[in-house]
Amino acid sequence: MLAEVRRICLGLPGVTERLSHGAPTWFVNGQRTFVTLWEHGHHDNEFPHLWCAAPAGAQEELILADPARFFRPPYVGHRGWIGVRLDGDVGWDEIGELCQDAYDTVSRPKKSTSRRP
């Protein structure tokens, strides 16, 4: 599981990996987290899973489509992140797409909130 997620994430440009909160975590340009792997579960979710950044609206759409597979993770769920169970039949192509979406979501420049004349 770790080897496959690592292969997917490190195949994206500018990605690094390091432990964060004891879990393998992937970062865009060494700064912004986009995927965390909880191989042995985390808190109340005692099954292997990923936390992935997601584009606006994706969390709700995926949870509605397959609530047995997708969930709102603690700490980052309020920001639209997706929890993805990895304890069933894992479709690695789909995981690759979710990781790509997470990368794209995090690597986009933030919109400026300054109001210049």
C-alpha atoms as a PDB file:
ATOM      1  CA  MET A   1       0.000   0.000   0.000  1.00  0.00           C
ATOM      2  CA  LEU A   2       2.693   2.499   1.012  1.00  0.00           C
ATOM      3  CA  ALA A   3       4.799   1.635  -2.031  1.00  0.00           C
ATOM      4  CA  GLU A   4       1.885   2.238  -4.410  1.00  0.00           C
ATOM      5  CA  VAL A   5       0.819   5.571  -2.856  1.00  0.00           C
ATOM      6  CA  ARG A   6       4.469   6.639  -2.777  1.00  0.00           C
ATOM      7  CA  ARG A   7       4.876   5.764  -6.481  1.00  0.00           C
ATOM      8  CA  ILE A   8       1.772   7.764  -7.396  1.00  0.00           C
ATOM      9  CA  CYS A   9       2.602  10.843  -5.339  1.00  0.00           C
ATOM     10  CA  LEU A  10       6.342  11.028  -6.027  1.00  0.00           C
ATOM     11  CA  GLY A  11       5.579  10.779  -9.747  1.00  0.00           C
ATOM     12  CA  LEU A  12       4.139  14.301  -9.601  1.00  0.00           C
ATOM     13  CA  PRO A  13       6.430  17.327 -10.100  1.00  0.00           C
ATOM     14  CA  GLY A  14       7.933  19.019  -7.044  1.00  0.00           C
ATOM     15  CA  VAL A  15       6.597  16.451  -4.553  1.00  0.00           C
ATOM     16  CA  THR A  16       8.446  15.431  -1.397  1.00  0.00           C
ATOM     17  CA  GLU A  17       7.579  12.934   1.306  1.00  0.00           C
ATOM     18  CA  ARG A  18       8.117  13.053   5.057  1.00  0.00           C
ATOM     19  CA  LEU A  19       6.364  11.924   8.193  1.00  0.00           C
ATOM     20  CA  SER A  20       3.728  14.224   9.594  1.00  0.00           C
ATOM     21  CA  HIS A  21       1.977  13.237  12.808  1.00  0.00           C
ATOM     22  CA  GLY A  22       3.631   9.834  12.439  1.00  0.00           C
ATOM     23  CA  ALA A  23       2.179   9.120   8.999  1.00  0.00           C
ATOM     24  CA  PRO A  24       3.720   9.217   5.509  1.00  0.00           C
ATOM     25  CA  THR A  25       2.658  12.531   3.996  1.00  0.00           C
ATOM     26  CA  TRP A  26       3.289  14.105   0.597  1.00  0.00           C
ATOM     27  CA  PHE A  27       3.909  17.805   0.028  1.00  0.00           C
ATOM     28  CA  VAL A  28       3.888  20.105  -2.981  1.00  0.00           C
ATOM     29  CA  ASN A  29       7.140  22.077  -3.149  1.00  0.00           C
ATOM     30  CA  GLY A  30       8.023  20.879   0.359  1.00  0.00           C
ATOM     31  CA  GLN A  31       5.344  23.034   1.977  1.00  0.00           C
ATOM     32  CA  ARG A  32       1.715  22.188   1.283  1.00  0.00           C
ATOM     33  CA  THR A  33       0.300  18.800   2.253  1.00  0.00           C
ATOM     34  CA  PHE A  34      -1.869  17.098  -0.349  1.00  0.00           C
ATOM     35  CA  VAL A  35      -2.040  13.413   0.745  1.00  0.00           C
ATOM     36  CA  THR A  36      -1.554  11.573   4.050  1.00  0.00           C
ATOM     37  CA  LEU A  37      -1.602   7.782   4.376  1.00  0.00           C
ATOM     38  CA  TRP A  38      -2.878   6.201   7.591  1.00  0.00           C
ATOM     39  CA  GLU A  39      -1.847   2.570   7.035  1.00  0.00           C
ATOM     40  CA  HIS A  40      -3.141   1.372  10.406  1.00  0.00           C
ATOM     41  CA  GLY A  41      -6.002   3.809  10.846  1.00  0.00           C
ATOM     42  CA  HIS A  42      -6.263   7.038  12.772  1.00  0.00           C
ATOM     43  CA  HIS A  43      -8.528   7.971  15.691  1.00  0.00           C
ATOM     44  CA  ASP A  44     -12.011   6.492  15.187  1.00  0.00           C
ATOM     45  CA  ASN A  45     -11.198   5.323  11.663  1.00  0.00           C
ATOM     46  CA  GLU A  46      -9.392   2.087  12.533  1.00  0.00           C
ATOM     47  CA  PHE A  47      -8.823   0.938   8.948  1.00  0.00           C
ATOM     48  CA  PRO A  48      -6.188   1.882   6.356  1.00  0.00           C
ATOM     49  CA  HIS A  49      -7.078   5.080   4.534  1.00  0.00           C
ATOM     50  CA  LEU A  50      -5.878   8.237   2.806  1.00  0.00           C
ATOM     51  CA  TRP A  51      -6.690  11.840   3.463  1.00  0.00           C
ATOM     52  CA  CYS A  52      -6.625  13.804   0.182  1.00  0.00           C
ATOM     53  CA  ALA A  53      -7.080  17.473  -0.564  1.00  0.00           C
ATOM     54  CA  ALA A  54      -9.992  17.894  -2.959  1.00  0.00           C
ATOM     55  CA  PRO A  55     -11.515  20.490  -5.244  1.00  0.00           C
ATOM     56  CA  ALA A  56     -14.589  22.343  -4.005  1.00  0.00           C
ATOM     57  CA  GLY A  57     -17.670  20.139  -3.893  1.00  0.00           C
ATOM     58  CA  ALA A  58     -15.837  16.840  -4.451  1.00  0.00           C
ATOM     59  CA  GLN A  59     -16.094  15.708  -0.828  1.00  0.00           C
ATOM     60  CA  GLU A  60     -19.876  15.891  -0.768  1.00  0.00           C
ATOM     61  CA  GLU A  61     -20.210  14.314  -4.213  1.00  0.00           C
ATOM     62  CA  LEU A  62     -17.975  11.335  -3.401  1.00  0.00           C
ATOM     63  CA  ILE A  63     -19.497  10.682   0.024  1.00  0.00           C
ATOM     64  CA  LEU A  64     -23.014  10.740  -1.462  1.00  0.00           C
ATOM     65  CA  ALA A  65     -21.966   8.434  -4.299  1.00  0.00           C
ATOM     66  CA  ASP A  66     -20.195   5.856  -2.083  1.00  0.00           C
ATOM     67  CA  PRO A  67     -20.448   6.446   1.690  1.00  0.00           C
ATOM     68  CA  ALA A  68     -18.943   3.018   2.405  1.00  0.00           C
ATOM     69  CA  ARG A  69     -15.718   4.088   0.702  1.00  0.00           C
ATOM     70  CA  PHE A  70     -15.451   7.861   1.225  1.00  0.00           C
ATOM     71  CA  PHE A  71     -15.777   9.877   4.427  1.00  0.00           C
ATOM     72  CA  ARG A  72     -15.160  13.302   5.943  1.00  0.00           C
ATOM     73  CA  PRO A  73     -11.854  13.014   7.819  1.00  0.00           C
ATOM     74  CA  PRO A  74     -11.215  14.722  11.145  1.00  0.00           C
ATOM     75  CA  TYR A  75      -9.148  17.943  11.273  1.00  0.00           C
ATOM     76  CA  VAL A  76      -9.148  18.544   7.494  1.00  0.00           C
ATOM     77  CA  GLY A  77     -12.676  17.524   6.497  1.00  0.00           C
ATOM     78  CA  HIS A  78     -14.018  21.008   7.192  1.00  0.00           C
ATOM     79  CA  ARG A  79     -11.667  22.223   4.435  1.00  0.00           C
ATOM     80  CA  GLY A  80     -13.199  19.799   1.917  1.00  0.00           C
ATOM     81  CA  TRP A  81     -10.625  17.020   2.181  1.00  0.00           C
ATOM     82  CA  ILE A  82     -11.690  13.438   1.422  1.00  0.00           C
ATOM     83  CA  GLY A  83     -11.082  10.308   3.457  1.00  0.00           C
ATOM     84  CA  VAL A  84     -10.675   7.208   1.267  1.00  0.00           C
ATOM     85  CA  ARG A  85     -10.850   3.693   2.694  1.00  0.00           C
ATOM     86  CA  LEU A  86      -8.118   1.313   1.548  1.00  0.00           C
ATOM     87  CA  ASP A  87      -9.289  -1.849   3.298  1.00  0.00           C
ATOM     88  CA  GLY A  88     -11.381  -3.240   0.451  1.00  0.00           C
ATOM     89  CA  ASP A  89     -10.745  -3.807  -3.214  1.00  0.00           C
ATOM     90  CA  VAL A  90      -8.502  -0.828  -3.942  1.00  0.00           C
ATOM     91  CA  GLY A  91      -8.739   0.620  -7.426  1.00  0.00           C
ATOM     92  CA  TRP A  92      -5.271   2.100  -7.836  1.00  0.00           C
ATOM     93  CA  ASP A  93      -6.215   3.990 -11.005  1.00  0.00           C
ATOM     94  CA  GLU A  94      -8.915   5.794  -9.002  1.00  0.00           C
ATOM     95  CA  ILE A  95      -6.458   6.450  -6.158  1.00  0.00           C
ATOM     96  CA  GLY A  96      -4.071   7.906  -8.744  1.00  0.00           C
ATOM     97  CA  GLU A  97      -6.815  10.243  -9.983  1.00  0.00           C
ATOM     98  CA  LEU A  98      -7.673  11.316  -6.427  1.00  0.00           C
ATOM     99  CA  CYS A  99      -3.997  12.011  -5.691  1.00  0.00           C
ATOM    100  CA  GLN A 100      -3.683  13.996  -8.939  1.00  0.00           C
ATOM    101  CA  ASP A 101      -6.778  16.038  -7.991  1.00  0.00           C
ATOM    102  CA  ALA A 102      -5.309  16.602  -4.515  1.00  0.00           C
ATOM    103  CA  TYR A 103      -2.026  17.758  -6.032  1.00  0.00           C
ATOM    104  CA  ASP A 104      -3.808  20.079  -8.469  1.00  0.00           C
ATOM    105  CA  THR A 105      -5.949  21.512  -5.670  1.00  0.00           C
ATOM    106  CA  VAL A 106      -2.962  22.320  -3.467  1.00  0.00           C
ATOM    107  CA  SER A 107      -0.529  23.430  -6.171  1.00  0.00           C
ATOM    108  CA  ARG A 108      -2.810  26.115  -7.581  1.00  0.00           C
ATOM    109  CA  PRO A 109      -1.750  29.574  -6.495  1.00  0.00           C
ATOM    110  CA  LYS A 110      -3.970  30.999  -3.778  1.00  0.00           C
ATOM    111  CA  LYS A 111      -6.204  33.860  -4.834  1.00  0.00           C
ATOM    112  CA  SER A 112      -5.059  37.167  -3.466  1.00  0.00           C
ATOM    113  CA  THR A 113      -7.339  38.709  -0.873  1.00  0.00           C
ATOM    114  CA  SER A 114      -5.720  42.127  -1.002  1.00  0.00           C
ATOM    115  CA  ARG A 115      -7.733  44.939  -2.477  1.00  0.00           C
ATOM    116  CA  ARG A 116      -5.494  47.176  -4.493  1.00  0.00           C
ATOM    117  CA  PRO A 117      -6.844  50.147  -6.392  1.00  0.00           C
END
